[in-house]
Amino acid sequence: MTIQRDGDYVLWDEWRNPDEDEVDLPAWPWEPHQVNVFLFHPSRSAIREDRPWLQFRKILAVSSDDPADQAERLAEQLVAADPRQAAEVCGGSPDFTRQLGYSWPQLRRA
């Protein structure tokens, strides 16, 4: 992706995914305080090829900080650690997690 400043705005553009031509920024209006980044392991093509796959979710907090500072912070968070270790499993199956060496998330009780 490309992150650039345009006046008071920070533009996130040119999202790339080797499995798809177009990728949208997953920012939902009911969660304006965060950006949800979804990643696939080993790749999204495993779904089509009927191989084990997992989906991971990494939440990046959005604040009222200076847009340039915030963009730098978010970019650093994306590359700071292996996303398979820093994100939570949110898709796939319990069987796939075992096959790929991960743990299926436990249900959260309120």
C-alpha atoms as a PDB file:
ATOM      1  CA  MET A   1       0.000   0.000   0.000  1.00  0.00           C
ATOM      2  CA  THR A   2       0.971   3.618  -0.318  1.00  0.00           C
ATOM      3  CA  ILE A   3       0.431   6.052   2.563  1.00  0.00           C
ATOM      4  CA  GLN A   4       0.722   9.755   1.830  1.00  0.00           C
ATOM      5  CA  ARG A   5      -0.351  13.049   3.311  1.00  0.00           C
ATOM      6  CA  ASP A   6      -2.694  15.391   1.426  1.00  0.00           C
ATOM      7  CA  GLY A   7      -3.178  18.523   3.515  1.00  0.00           C
ATOM      8  CA  ASP A   8      -4.988  17.491   6.709  1.00  0.00           C
ATOM      9  CA  TYR A   9      -5.698  14.003   5.357  1.00  0.00           C
ATOM     10  CA  VAL A  10      -3.669  10.811   5.171  1.00  0.00           C
ATOM     11  CA  LEU A  11      -4.499   8.743   2.097  1.00  0.00           C
ATOM     12  CA  TRP A  12      -4.112   4.973   2.142  1.00  0.00           C
ATOM     13  CA  ASP A  13      -3.969   3.824  -1.461  1.00  0.00           C
ATOM     14  CA  GLU A  14      -2.799   1.055  -3.775  1.00  0.00           C
ATOM     15  CA  TRP A  15      -3.632  -1.808  -1.434  1.00  0.00           C
ATOM     16  CA  ARG A  16      -2.132  -4.942  -2.942  1.00  0.00           C
ATOM     17  CA  ASN A  17      -3.002  -8.577  -2.537  1.00  0.00           C
ATOM     18  CA  PRO A  18      -1.296 -11.148  -4.759  1.00  0.00           C
ATOM     19  CA  ASP A  19      -4.526 -13.162  -4.904  1.00  0.00           C
ATOM     20  CA  GLU A  20      -6.842 -10.325  -5.982  1.00  0.00           C
ATOM     21  CA  ASP A  21      -6.670  -7.261  -8.190  1.00  0.00           C
ATOM     22  CA  GLU A  22      -8.685  -4.974  -5.917  1.00  0.00           C
ATOM     23  CA  VAL A  23      -8.432  -4.670  -2.143  1.00  0.00           C
ATOM     24  CA  ASP A  24     -10.564  -2.279  -0.099  1.00  0.00           C
ATOM     25  CA  LEU A  25      -9.634  -0.681   3.209  1.00  0.00           C
ATOM     26  CA  PRO A  26     -11.600  -2.616   5.832  1.00  0.00           C
ATOM     27  CA  ALA A  27     -12.785   0.345   7.939  1.00  0.00           C
ATOM     28  CA  TRP A  28     -16.380   0.001   9.085  1.00  0.00           C
ATOM     29  CA  PRO A  29     -18.443   3.088   9.968  1.00  0.00           C
ATOM     30  CA  TRP A  30     -19.573   1.561  13.276  1.00  0.00           C
ATOM     31  CA  GLU A  31     -15.896   1.185  14.301  1.00  0.00           C
ATOM     32  CA  PRO A  32     -14.362   4.579  13.429  1.00  0.00           C
ATOM     33  CA  HIS A  33     -11.719   4.150  16.129  1.00  0.00           C
ATOM     34  CA  GLN A  34     -10.040   1.192  14.414  1.00  0.00           C
ATOM     35  CA  VAL A  35      -8.965  -0.383  11.139  1.00  0.00           C
ATOM     36  CA  ASN A  36      -9.394  -4.130  10.758  1.00  0.00           C
ATOM     37  CA  VAL A  37      -6.685  -5.839   8.712  1.00  0.00           C
ATOM     38  CA  PHE A  38      -7.462  -9.384   7.557  1.00  0.00           C
ATOM     39  CA  LEU A  39      -4.707 -11.714   6.415  1.00  0.00           C
ATOM     40  CA  PHE A  40      -4.738 -15.275   5.087  1.00  0.00           C
ATOM     41  CA  HIS A  41      -2.276 -18.090   5.743  1.00  0.00           C
ATOM     42  CA  PRO A  42      -0.814 -19.741   3.770  1.00  0.00           C
ATOM     43  CA  SER A  43      -2.641 -17.719   1.108  1.00  0.00           C
ATOM     44  CA  ARG A  44      -6.189 -16.993   0.078  1.00  0.00           C
ATOM     45  CA  SER A  45      -5.790 -19.316  -2.910  1.00  0.00           C
ATOM     46  CA  ALA A  46      -5.799 -22.251  -0.456  1.00  0.00           C
ATOM     47  CA  ILE A  47      -9.575 -21.767  -0.131  1.00  0.00           C
ATOM     48  CA  ARG A  48     -10.101 -22.367  -3.851  1.00  0.00           C
ATOM     49  CA  GLU A  49      -7.589 -25.210  -3.876  1.00  0.00           C
ATOM     50  CA  ASP A  50      -9.298 -27.010  -0.960  1.00  0.00           C
ATOM     51  CA  ARG A  51      -6.189 -26.821   1.232  1.00  0.00           C
ATOM     52  CA  PRO A  52      -6.045 -25.879   4.937  1.00  0.00           C
ATOM     53  CA  TRP A  53      -6.179 -22.118   5.457  1.00  0.00           C
ATOM     54  CA  LEU A  54      -6.612 -19.610   8.268  1.00  0.00           C
ATOM     55  CA  GLN A  55      -7.728 -16.011   8.383  1.00  0.00           C
ATOM     56  CA  PHE A  56      -6.120 -13.644  10.893  1.00  0.00           C
ATOM     57  CA  ARG A  57      -7.439 -10.291  12.116  1.00  0.00           C
ATOM     58  CA  LYS A  58      -5.219  -7.492  13.329  1.00  0.00           C
ATOM     59  CA  ILE A  59      -6.870  -4.413  14.802  1.00  0.00           C
ATOM     60  CA  LEU A  60      -5.088  -1.093  14.400  1.00  0.00           C
ATOM     61  CA  ALA A  61      -6.294   1.663  16.714  1.00  0.00           C
ATOM     62  CA  VAL A  62      -7.111   5.012  15.105  1.00  0.00           C
ATOM     63  CA  SER A  63      -6.739   8.127  17.228  1.00  0.00           C
ATOM     64  CA  SER A  64      -6.977  11.878  16.861  1.00  0.00           C
ATOM     65  CA  ASP A  65      -3.168  12.167  16.635  1.00  0.00           C
ATOM     66  CA  ASP A  66      -1.530  14.101  13.833  1.00  0.00           C
ATOM     67  CA  PRO A  67      -2.374  12.177  10.627  1.00  0.00           C
ATOM     68  CA  ALA A  68       1.257  11.855   9.510  1.00  0.00           C
ATOM     69  CA  ASP A  69       2.368  10.579  12.937  1.00  0.00           C
ATOM     70  CA  GLN A  70      -0.547   8.197  13.056  1.00  0.00           C
ATOM     71  CA  ALA A  71       0.115   6.827   9.562  1.00  0.00           C
ATOM     72  CA  GLU A  72       3.732   6.184  10.529  1.00  0.00           C
ATOM     73  CA  ARG A  73       2.659   4.439  13.737  1.00  0.00           C
ATOM     74  CA  LEU A  74       0.118   2.234  11.924  1.00  0.00           C
ATOM     75  CA  ALA A  75       2.617   1.310   9.217  1.00  0.00           C
ATOM     76  CA  GLU A  76       5.171   0.367  11.887  1.00  0.00           C
ATOM     77  CA  GLN A  77       2.574  -1.829  13.617  1.00  0.00           C
ATOM     78  CA  LEU A  78       1.878  -3.668  10.371  1.00  0.00           C
ATOM     79  CA  VAL A  79       5.507  -4.659   9.846  1.00  0.00           C
ATOM     80  CA  ALA A  80       6.717  -4.940  13.463  1.00  0.00           C
ATOM     81  CA  ALA A  81       5.977  -8.645  13.893  1.00  0.00           C
ATOM     82  CA  ASP A  82       4.870 -11.705  11.999  1.00  0.00           C
ATOM     83  CA  PRO A  83       1.114 -11.141  11.647  1.00  0.00           C
ATOM     84  CA  ARG A  84       0.485 -14.827  12.347  1.00  0.00           C
ATOM     85  CA  GLN A  85       1.851 -14.176  15.843  1.00  0.00           C
ATOM     86  CA  ALA A  86       0.505 -10.640  16.384  1.00  0.00           C
ATOM     87  CA  ALA A  87      -3.045 -11.184  15.072  1.00  0.00           C
ATOM     88  CA  GLU A  88      -5.908 -13.421  16.160  1.00  0.00           C
ATOM     89  CA  VAL A  89      -7.288 -16.360  14.224  1.00  0.00           C
ATOM     90  CA  CYS A  90     -10.762 -15.397  13.011  1.00  0.00           C
ATOM     91  CA  GLY A  91     -11.462 -17.755  10.125  1.00  0.00           C
ATOM     92  CA  GLY A  92     -10.783 -21.222   8.851  1.00  0.00           C
ATOM     93  CA  SER A  93     -11.648 -24.148  11.095  1.00  0.00           C
ATOM     94  CA  PRO A  94     -10.476 -25.877  14.278  1.00  0.00           C
ATOM     95  CA  ASP A  95      -9.165 -28.731  12.111  1.00  0.00           C
ATOM     96  CA  PHE A  96      -7.190 -26.318   9.921  1.00  0.00           C
ATOM     97  CA  THR A  97      -5.637 -24.672  12.995  1.00  0.00           C
ATOM     98  CA  ARG A  98      -4.362 -28.057  14.166  1.00  0.00           C
ATOM     99  CA  GLN A  99      -3.025 -28.917  10.707  1.00  0.00           C
ATOM    100  CA  LEU A 100      -1.216 -25.572  10.423  1.00  0.00           C
ATOM    101  CA  GLY A 101       0.105 -25.533  14.006  1.00  0.00           C
ATOM    102  CA  TYR A 102      -2.153 -22.887  15.554  1.00  0.00           C
ATOM    103  CA  SER A 103      -4.882 -22.827  18.199  1.00  0.00           C
ATOM    104  CA  TRP A 104      -8.549 -22.192  17.512  1.00  0.00           C
ATOM    105  CA  PRO A 105      -9.768 -19.169  19.534  1.00  0.00           C
ATOM    106  CA  GLN A 106     -11.805 -19.849  22.630  1.00  0.00           C
ATOM    107  CA  LEU A 107     -15.331 -18.454  22.833  1.00  0.00           C
ATOM    108  CA  ARG A 108     -15.491 -15.225  24.794  1.00  0.00           C
ATOM    109  CA  ARG A 109     -18.191 -15.056  27.432  1.00  0.00           C
ATOM    110  CA  ALA A 110     -19.700 -11.759  28.503  1.00  0.00           C
END
